[in-house]
Amino acid sequence: MSEKYVYLFSEGNASMKELLGGKGANLAEMTNIGLNVPPGFTITTEACNKYREGMDNIPEGMWEQVKKAIKKLEKETGKKFGDPKNPLLLSVRSGAVHSMPGMMDTVLNLGLNEDTLEGLAKRTKNRRFALDCDRRLIQMFGDVVLKIDHEKFSKDLDMIKRKANAKLDIELDEKALEDVVHHYLETIEEYTGKGFPSNPEKQLKKAVKAVFDSWDNPRARTYRQLHDIPENLGTAVNVQVMVFGNIGENSATGVGFTRDPSNGEKRYYGEYLMNAQGEDVVAGIRTPNPLSDLEKEMPANFKELKQVTEKLEKHYKDMQDYEFTIEEGKLYILQTRNGKRTAEAAINIAADMVSEKLITKEEAILMIDAKLIAQLVHRRIDP
């Protein structure tokens, strides 16, 4: 009997951080407290360590467990991975125990190829949307899995935007997006000598291995040395059903904090973009809107988001940094974690949470990192 390497979100919880990584443990916890989290599974940190010990070979039995987990996602969603009529698309994210720069970026829309692209276009009656997803997959996969310099794809995109007289990606029509996909595929052929992998299972396997490999990249190693993080922790891999913030004008994606991380004030702090995918908000391609504007644009979703963030704070008893997507008017929570904050915010948040009876005075004292207090004794510029 082989070791258990794959846990559905419904099988984990917050206490399993060492095994599922921070992101995986929180996805499991949010699923179990009843939040609307897109279904998925986590491949454990132990699988990563076995992969590293085994000369970069996937541990025995792991891939069979991955395939079983995908069957369960197919049953839950009514879609099939690689099916040309009703394709299931996945996102792949790294998730170590400690959040660290240098780990692999996200790959979205995994499972698209020529056939599934047409299936997605037919099912959504929106071919432009399907092409937009395809160009994002090829660019992300090329960049983070195949290690082709991001600039190569940016040049292709900029050239087509100039031709189409478009300032923003969302201004590109179907024909222009077809051109982008065509150029991206040529770029991959040119730099790898091979075509883009069209088999969805091969795409997934390559992406999972790329997450494992990212644990040992130079940037992640240096970060661990600087912050005394042990080398043997490994990273987990989170595989999740795609939800789409870029499907039209009643869809959006955003990031937020349950309180202001600069001063601790209890207000909705964050930003979002209409008709976009998650990476757009952090990539700086378009200027996001402040989260407070969502109340005017999507009042029902804003009200629901408020309820969700209150539930998160009550559950975790700390300020949360979260990500969300709205797909055709339906809100999904994609991630949460304890939010980073300034020294001033840390003290204000701890004091306020005691007043709100969320935590005890003892818990408030333990919440404050001693290094943060040292920051407060230094002279600072008046805001």
Protein backbone atom coordinates (compact mmCIF):
# COMPACT_ATOMS: atom_id res chain seq x y z
CA MET A 1 0.00 0.00 0.00
CA SER A 2 1.61 3.28 -1.06
CA GLU A 3 1.69 6.34 1.16
CA LYS A 4 -1.12 8.91 0.92
CA TYR A 5 0.23 11.81 -1.13
CA VAL A 6 -3.01 13.47 -2.26
CA TYR A 7 -5.70 15.05 -0.06
CA LEU A 8 -8.96 16.52 -1.33
CA PHE A 9 -9.69 19.91 0.28
CA SER A 10 -12.56 18.21 2.17
CA GLU A 11 -10.04 15.80 3.79
CA GLY A 12 -7.67 18.37 5.28
CA ASN A 13 -7.75 21.15 7.90
CA ALA A 14 -5.69 24.06 9.25
CA SER A 15 -3.67 21.86 11.64
CA MET A 16 -2.14 19.96 8.67
CA LYS A 17 0.07 22.88 7.57
CA GLU A 18 3.32 20.84 7.70
CA LEU A 19 1.86 18.28 5.29
CA LEU A 20 -0.41 20.43 3.08
CA GLY A 21 1.54 23.72 3.16
CA GLY A 22 -0.01 27.00 4.31
CA LYS A 23 -2.18 27.47 1.23
CA GLY A 24 -3.46 23.88 1.12
CA ALA A 25 -4.27 23.79 4.84
CA ASN A 26 -6.24 27.05 4.55
CA LEU A 27 -8.12 25.89 1.43
CA ALA A 28 -9.13 22.75 3.36
CA GLU A 29 -10.12 24.76 6.44
CA MET A 30 -12.24 27.23 4.41
CA THR A 31 -13.94 24.31 2.62
CA ASN A 32 -14.78 22.73 5.98
CA ILE A 33 -16.25 25.92 7.50
CA GLY A 34 -18.64 26.14 4.57
CA LEU A 35 -17.13 28.89 2.40
CA ASN A 36 -17.60 28.68 -1.37
CA VAL A 37 -14.12 27.42 -2.35
CA PRO A 38 -13.66 25.91 -5.85
CA PRO A 39 -13.03 22.18 -5.25
CA GLY A 40 -9.52 20.78 -5.54
CA PHE A 41 -6.78 18.73 -3.92
CA THR A 42 -3.32 19.16 -2.44
CA ILE A 43 -0.24 17.04 -3.22
CA THR A 44 1.74 16.88 0.03
CA THR A 45 5.13 18.29 1.04
CA GLU A 46 6.19 14.66 1.65
CA ALA A 47 5.61 13.91 -2.04
CA CYS A 48 7.92 16.84 -2.87
CA ASN A 49 10.65 15.51 -0.57
CA LYS A 50 10.33 11.98 -2.01
CA TYR A 51 10.58 13.51 -5.51
CA ARG A 52 13.78 15.35 -4.50
CA GLU A 53 15.27 12.21 -2.94
CA GLY A 54 14.31 10.12 -5.99
CA MET A 55 16.35 12.10 -8.52
CA ASP A 56 13.30 14.11 -9.69
CA ASN A 57 11.07 11.08 -10.22
CA ILE A 58 7.43 11.28 -9.11
CA PRO A 59 6.99 8.98 -6.06
CA GLU A 60 5.44 5.57 -6.66
CA GLY A 61 1.65 5.62 -6.42
CA MET A 62 1.35 9.42 -6.40
CA TRP A 63 0.11 9.86 -9.97
CA GLU A 64 -2.58 7.17 -9.55
CA GLN A 65 -3.83 9.15 -6.53
CA VAL A 66 -3.82 12.38 -8.59
CA LYS A 67 -5.92 10.67 -11.30
CA LYS A 68 -8.41 9.40 -8.68
CA ALA A 69 -8.71 12.92 -7.22
CA ILE A 70 -9.40 14.35 -10.71
CA LYS A 71 -12.18 11.75 -11.19
CA LYS A 72 -13.76 13.10 -7.96
CA LEU A 73 -13.51 16.70 -9.23
CA GLU A 74 -15.12 15.58 -12.50
CA LYS A 75 -18.00 13.99 -10.58
CA GLU A 76 -18.46 17.13 -8.45
CA THR A 77 -18.42 19.60 -11.38
CA GLY A 78 -20.03 17.53 -14.13
CA LYS A 79 -17.06 18.43 -16.39
CA LYS A 80 -14.25 16.17 -17.65
CA PHE A 81 -10.52 16.85 -17.78
CA GLY A 82 -9.51 16.85 -21.46
CA ASP A 83 -13.11 16.44 -22.71
CA PRO A 84 -13.67 18.38 -25.97
CA LYS A 85 -17.37 18.98 -25.18
CA ASN A 86 -17.34 20.12 -21.54
CA PRO A 87 -13.72 20.54 -20.41
CA LEU A 88 -12.62 20.75 -16.77
CA LEU A 89 -9.82 23.32 -16.43
CA LEU A 90 -7.46 23.49 -13.47
CA SER A 91 -5.13 25.93 -11.75
CA VAL A 92 -1.82 24.79 -10.24
CA ARG A 93 -0.17 26.72 -7.39
CA SER A 94 2.77 26.10 -5.09
CA GLY A 95 2.16 26.28 -1.34
CA ALA A 96 5.02 25.78 1.11
CA VAL A 97 4.60 25.83 4.90
CA HIS A 98 6.10 29.37 4.91
CA SER A 99 5.16 31.80 2.16
CA MET A 100 8.36 32.68 0.29
CA PRO A 101 9.37 34.57 -2.85
CA GLY A 102 11.02 32.52 -5.57
CA MET A 103 8.50 29.69 -5.49
CA MET A 104 6.65 28.85 -8.70
CA ASP A 105 3.98 31.27 -9.88
CA THR A 106 0.47 30.10 -10.67
CA VAL A 107 -0.51 28.34 -13.90
CA LEU A 108 -4.17 28.97 -14.82
CA ASN A 109 -6.53 27.33 -17.36
CA LEU A 110 -4.56 24.08 -17.48
CA GLY A 111 -6.23 21.49 -19.72
CA LEU A 112 -6.78 23.68 -22.78
CA ASN A 113 -5.75 22.52 -26.26
CA GLU A 114 -7.22 22.96 -29.76
CA ASP A 115 -10.17 20.64 -29.03
CA THR A 116 -11.03 21.72 -25.48
CA LEU A 117 -10.71 25.38 -26.54
CA GLU A 118 -13.55 24.91 -29.04
CA GLY A 119 -15.57 23.00 -26.42
CA LEU A 120 -15.18 25.84 -23.92
CA ALA A 121 -16.12 28.39 -26.61
CA LYS A 122 -19.30 26.46 -27.48
CA ARG A 123 -20.31 25.81 -23.87
CA THR A 124 -19.91 29.46 -22.85
CA LYS A 125 -21.07 30.82 -26.24
CA ASN A 126 -18.04 33.10 -25.93
CA ARG A 127 -15.08 32.24 -28.18
CA ARG A 128 -13.22 35.42 -27.26
CA PHE A 129 -13.23 34.34 -23.60
CA ALA A 130 -11.96 30.84 -24.52
CA LEU A 131 -9.10 32.35 -26.58
CA ASP A 132 -8.26 34.74 -23.73
CA CYS A 133 -7.94 31.73 -21.38
CA ASP A 134 -5.80 29.88 -23.93
CA ARG A 135 -3.31 32.73 -24.44
CA ARG A 136 -2.97 33.05 -20.64
CA LEU A 137 -2.28 29.32 -20.23
CA ILE A 138 0.38 29.29 -22.97
CA GLN A 139 2.10 32.40 -21.59
CA MET A 140 2.08 31.21 -17.94
CA PHE A 141 3.09 27.65 -18.83
CA GLY A 142 5.85 28.93 -21.14
CA ASP A 143 7.15 31.28 -18.46
CA VAL A 144 6.92 29.27 -15.23
CA VAL A 145 7.07 25.64 -16.44
CA LEU A 146 9.19 25.82 -19.61
CA LYS A 147 11.33 28.70 -18.25
CA ILE A 148 11.04 30.94 -21.33
CA ASP A 149 11.72 34.58 -20.47
CA HIS A 150 8.44 36.42 -19.81
CA GLU A 151 9.67 39.28 -22.03
CA LYS A 152 9.42 37.09 -25.16
CA PHE A 153 5.64 36.75 -24.65
CA SER A 154 5.27 40.44 -23.73
CA LYS A 155 6.90 41.41 -27.05
CA ASP A 156 4.44 39.21 -28.99
CA LEU A 157 1.49 40.71 -27.13
CA ASP A 158 2.68 44.32 -27.50
CA MET A 159 3.19 43.84 -31.24
CA ILE A 160 -0.40 42.58 -31.70
CA LYS A 161 -1.80 45.33 -29.46
CA ARG A 162 -0.06 47.93 -31.67
CA LYS A 163 -1.48 46.28 -34.81
CA ALA A 164 -4.98 46.24 -33.31
CA ASN A 165 -4.58 49.79 -31.97
CA ALA A 166 -5.45 48.50 -28.48
CA LYS A 167 -4.07 49.86 -25.21
CA LEU A 168 -5.39 47.06 -22.96
CA ASP A 169 -5.62 43.28 -23.33
CA ILE A 170 -9.42 43.41 -22.90
CA GLU A 171 -9.66 45.56 -26.07
CA LEU A 172 -8.30 42.71 -28.23
CA ASP A 173 -10.99 40.99 -30.32
CA GLU A 174 -11.24 37.31 -31.26
CA LYS A 175 -9.02 37.65 -34.34
CA ALA A 176 -6.30 39.51 -32.41
CA LEU A 177 -6.34 36.86 -29.65
CA GLU A 178 -6.01 34.12 -32.28
CA ASP A 179 -2.88 35.94 -33.49
CA VAL A 180 -1.54 36.14 -29.92
CA VAL A 181 -2.03 32.37 -29.43
CA HIS A 182 -0.36 31.67 -32.80
CA HIS A 183 2.70 33.83 -31.94
CA TYR A 184 2.97 32.37 -28.42
CA LEU A 185 3.01 28.82 -29.83
CA GLU A 186 5.73 29.82 -32.32
CA THR A 187 7.76 31.34 -29.46
CA ILE A 188 7.53 28.07 -27.49
CA GLU A 189 8.58 26.06 -30.56
CA GLU A 190 11.51 28.42 -31.16
CA TYR A 191 12.87 28.30 -27.58
CA THR A 192 12.22 24.66 -26.69
CA GLY A 193 12.45 22.94 -30.07
CA LYS A 194 9.13 21.24 -29.23
CA GLY A 195 5.48 22.17 -29.55
CA PHE A 196 3.27 23.16 -26.61
CA PRO A 197 2.09 19.97 -24.83
CA SER A 198 -1.50 19.46 -26.01
CA ASN A 199 -2.27 16.48 -23.76
CA PRO A 200 -3.94 17.85 -20.55
CA GLU A 201 -2.46 15.10 -18.34
CA LYS A 202 1.06 15.89 -19.64
CA GLN A 203 0.44 19.60 -18.95
CA LEU A 204 -0.56 18.78 -15.36
CA LYS A 205 2.40 16.45 -14.76
CA LYS A 206 4.89 19.04 -16.06
CA ALA A 207 3.29 21.78 -13.91
CA VAL A 208 3.40 19.60 -10.75
CA LYS A 209 7.07 18.76 -11.34
CA ALA A 210 7.81 22.46 -11.91
CA VAL A 211 6.32 23.27 -8.47
CA PHE A 212 8.50 20.59 -6.83
CA ASP A 213 11.58 21.92 -8.71
CA SER A 214 10.86 25.50 -7.61
CA TRP A 215 11.65 24.51 -3.99
CA ASP A 216 15.30 24.26 -5.02
CA ASN A 217 15.62 27.34 -7.21
CA PRO A 218 18.33 29.84 -6.16
CA ARG A 219 15.93 32.59 -5.02
CA ALA A 220 13.92 30.26 -2.74
CA ARG A 221 17.15 28.76 -1.30
CA THR A 222 18.58 32.19 -0.50
CA TYR A 223 15.31 33.26 1.15
CA ARG A 224 15.35 30.13 3.35
CA GLN A 225 18.95 30.79 4.41
CA LEU A 226 18.15 34.42 5.31
CA HIS A 227 15.05 33.46 7.33
CA ASP A 228 16.28 30.22 8.96
CA ILE A 229 13.70 28.07 7.17
CA PRO A 230 14.71 24.37 7.11
CA GLU A 231 15.67 22.89 3.72
CA ASN A 232 13.74 19.65 4.29
CA LEU A 233 10.19 21.07 4.53
CA GLY A 234 9.40 20.84 0.80
CA THR A 235 6.44 22.47 -0.93
CA ALA A 236 2.91 21.21 -1.48
CA VAL A 237 1.06 21.59 -4.81
CA ASN A 238 -2.54 22.86 -4.93
CA VAL A 239 -4.64 21.77 -7.90
CA GLN A 240 -7.99 23.53 -8.07
CA VAL A 241 -11.00 23.74 -10.41
CA MET A 242 -10.85 26.98 -12.41
CA VAL A 243 -13.43 29.70 -11.84
CA PHE A 244 -13.38 32.59 -14.28
CA GLY A 245 -13.31 36.28 -13.47
CA ASN A 246 -12.71 37.05 -17.16
CA ILE A 247 -15.92 35.61 -18.59
CA GLY A 248 -17.70 38.97 -19.01
CA GLU A 249 -18.90 42.16 -17.38
CA ASN A 250 -20.60 40.44 -14.41
CA SER A 251 -17.34 38.71 -13.46
CA ALA A 252 -14.37 40.06 -11.50
CA THR A 253 -11.31 39.13 -9.47
CA GLY A 254 -9.65 40.78 -6.50
CA VAL A 255 -7.45 40.69 -3.41
CA GLY A 256 -8.07 42.25 -0.04
CA PHE A 257 -7.29 42.53 3.66
CA THR A 258 -9.95 42.39 6.36
CA ARG A 259 -8.29 45.51 7.91
CA ASP A 260 -5.90 48.19 6.67
CA PRO A 261 -2.38 46.64 6.92
CA SER A 262 -0.72 50.07 7.19
CA ASN A 263 -2.59 51.35 10.29
CA GLY A 264 -4.95 48.55 11.38
CA GLU A 265 -8.15 50.49 10.67
CA LYS A 266 -11.22 48.23 10.27
CA ARG A 267 -12.19 48.95 6.68
CA TYR A 268 -12.39 47.06 3.40
CA TYR A 269 -8.90 47.39 2.03
CA GLY A 270 -7.93 45.89 -1.32
CA GLU A 271 -8.48 46.10 -5.05
CA TYR A 272 -10.28 44.32 -7.86
CA LEU A 273 -10.72 44.27 -11.63
CA MET A 274 -13.85 43.57 -13.63
CA ASN A 275 -13.58 40.94 -16.39
CA ALA A 276 -10.08 39.77 -15.40
CA GLN A 277 -8.16 36.78 -14.07
CA GLY A 278 -6.30 36.80 -10.74
CA GLU A 279 -2.84 37.47 -12.10
CA ASP A 280 -4.03 40.72 -13.75
CA VAL A 281 -4.57 42.39 -10.36
CA VAL A 282 -1.01 41.81 -9.17
CA ALA A 283 0.74 42.05 -12.57
CA GLY A 284 0.09 45.78 -13.00
CA ILE A 285 -1.25 45.36 -16.56
CA ARG A 286 -4.43 47.30 -15.74
CA THR A 287 -5.10 49.73 -12.91
CA PRO A 288 -7.35 47.99 -10.38
CA ASN A 289 -10.25 49.70 -8.57
CA PRO A 290 -10.35 50.10 -4.77
CA LEU A 291 -12.46 47.39 -3.13
CA SER A 292 -14.91 50.01 -1.81
CA ASP A 293 -16.04 50.62 -5.44
CA LEU A 294 -17.34 47.03 -5.63
CA GLU A 295 -20.27 48.10 -3.43
CA LYS A 296 -21.51 50.31 -6.30
CA GLU A 297 -20.65 47.91 -9.16
CA MET A 298 -21.80 44.62 -7.60
CA PRO A 299 -23.76 45.40 -4.40
CA ALA A 300 -24.99 41.82 -3.76
CA ASN A 301 -21.49 40.35 -4.16
CA PHE A 302 -19.98 43.09 -1.98
CA LYS A 303 -22.50 42.30 0.78
CA GLU A 304 -21.64 38.58 0.53
CA LEU A 305 -17.89 39.36 0.57
CA LYS A 306 -18.37 41.35 3.79
CA GLN A 307 -20.07 38.36 5.42
CA VAL A 308 -17.27 36.05 4.25
CA THR A 309 -14.48 38.31 5.56
CA GLU A 310 -16.23 38.65 8.94
CA LYS A 311 -16.49 34.85 9.12
CA LEU A 312 -12.78 34.51 8.25
CA GLU A 313 -11.71 36.90 11.03
CA LYS A 314 -13.96 35.22 13.60
CA HIS A 315 -12.59 31.83 12.63
CA TYR A 316 -8.88 32.65 12.36
CA LYS A 317 -8.91 35.37 15.08
CA ASP A 318 -6.50 37.48 13.03
CA MET A 319 -6.47 39.92 10.13
CA GLN A 320 -6.76 37.97 6.85
CA ASP A 321 -5.24 38.57 3.42
CA TYR A 322 -7.61 36.90 0.92
CA GLU A 323 -8.25 36.41 -2.82
CA PHE A 324 -11.61 36.08 -4.51
CA THR A 325 -13.19 35.62 -7.94
CA ILE A 326 -16.74 36.43 -9.05
CA GLU A 327 -17.82 34.23 -11.97
CA GLU A 328 -21.03 35.45 -13.61
CA GLY A 329 -22.31 36.88 -10.32
CA LYS A 330 -21.20 33.97 -8.09
CA LEU A 331 -18.56 34.64 -5.41
CA TYR A 332 -15.70 32.17 -4.78
CA ILE A 333 -12.92 32.45 -2.17
CA LEU A 334 -9.56 31.25 -3.52
CA GLN A 335 -7.16 31.80 -0.64
CA THR A 336 -6.71 33.26 2.83
CA ARG A 337 -3.75 33.69 5.17
CA ASN A 338 -2.78 35.87 8.12
CA GLY A 339 -1.98 39.27 6.58
CA LYS A 340 1.39 41.00 6.83
CA ARG A 341 1.17 44.40 8.57
CA THR A 342 3.20 47.34 9.87
CA ALA A 343 4.17 47.60 13.55
CA GLU A 344 1.56 50.30 14.15
CA ALA A 345 -1.16 48.20 12.48
CA ALA A 346 -0.15 45.09 14.48
CA ILE A 347 -0.68 46.89 17.80
CA ASN A 348 -3.91 48.59 16.73
CA ILE A 349 -5.34 45.32 15.36
CA ALA A 350 -4.47 43.38 18.53
CA ALA A 351 -6.01 46.09 20.77
CA ASP A 352 -9.15 46.39 18.61
CA MET A 353 -9.67 42.63 18.51
CA VAL A 354 -9.58 42.55 22.34
CA SER A 355 -12.23 45.34 22.43
CA GLU A 356 -14.33 43.38 19.91
CA LYS A 357 -14.00 40.29 22.18
CA LEU A 358 -12.48 38.32 19.28
CA ILE A 359 -9.34 37.49 21.31
CA THR A 360 -8.14 37.70 24.94
CA LYS A 361 -5.45 40.13 26.20
CA GLU A 362 -3.03 37.20 26.47
CA GLU A 363 -3.67 36.22 22.84
CA ALA A 364 -3.18 39.87 21.80
CA ILE A 365 0.25 40.01 23.45
CA LEU A 366 1.30 36.75 21.77
CA MET A 367 0.14 38.11 18.39
CA ILE A 368 2.74 40.89 18.36
CA ASP A 369 6.18 40.02 17.06
CA ALA A 370 8.86 41.54 19.32
CA LYS A 371 10.80 42.68 16.20
CA LEU A 372 7.81 44.83 15.23
CA ILE A 373 7.85 46.68 18.57
CA ALA A 374 11.52 47.55 17.97
CA GLN A 375 10.42 49.34 14.76
CA LEU A 376 8.14 51.66 16.76
CA VAL A 377 10.97 53.17 18.81
CA HIS A 378 12.68 54.52 15.68
CA ARG A 379 11.87 57.99 14.37
CA ARG A 380 9.41 57.96 11.49
CA ILE A 381 8.09 60.40 8.90
CA ASP A 382 4.66 61.77 9.82
CA PRO A 383 2.15 60.25 7.35
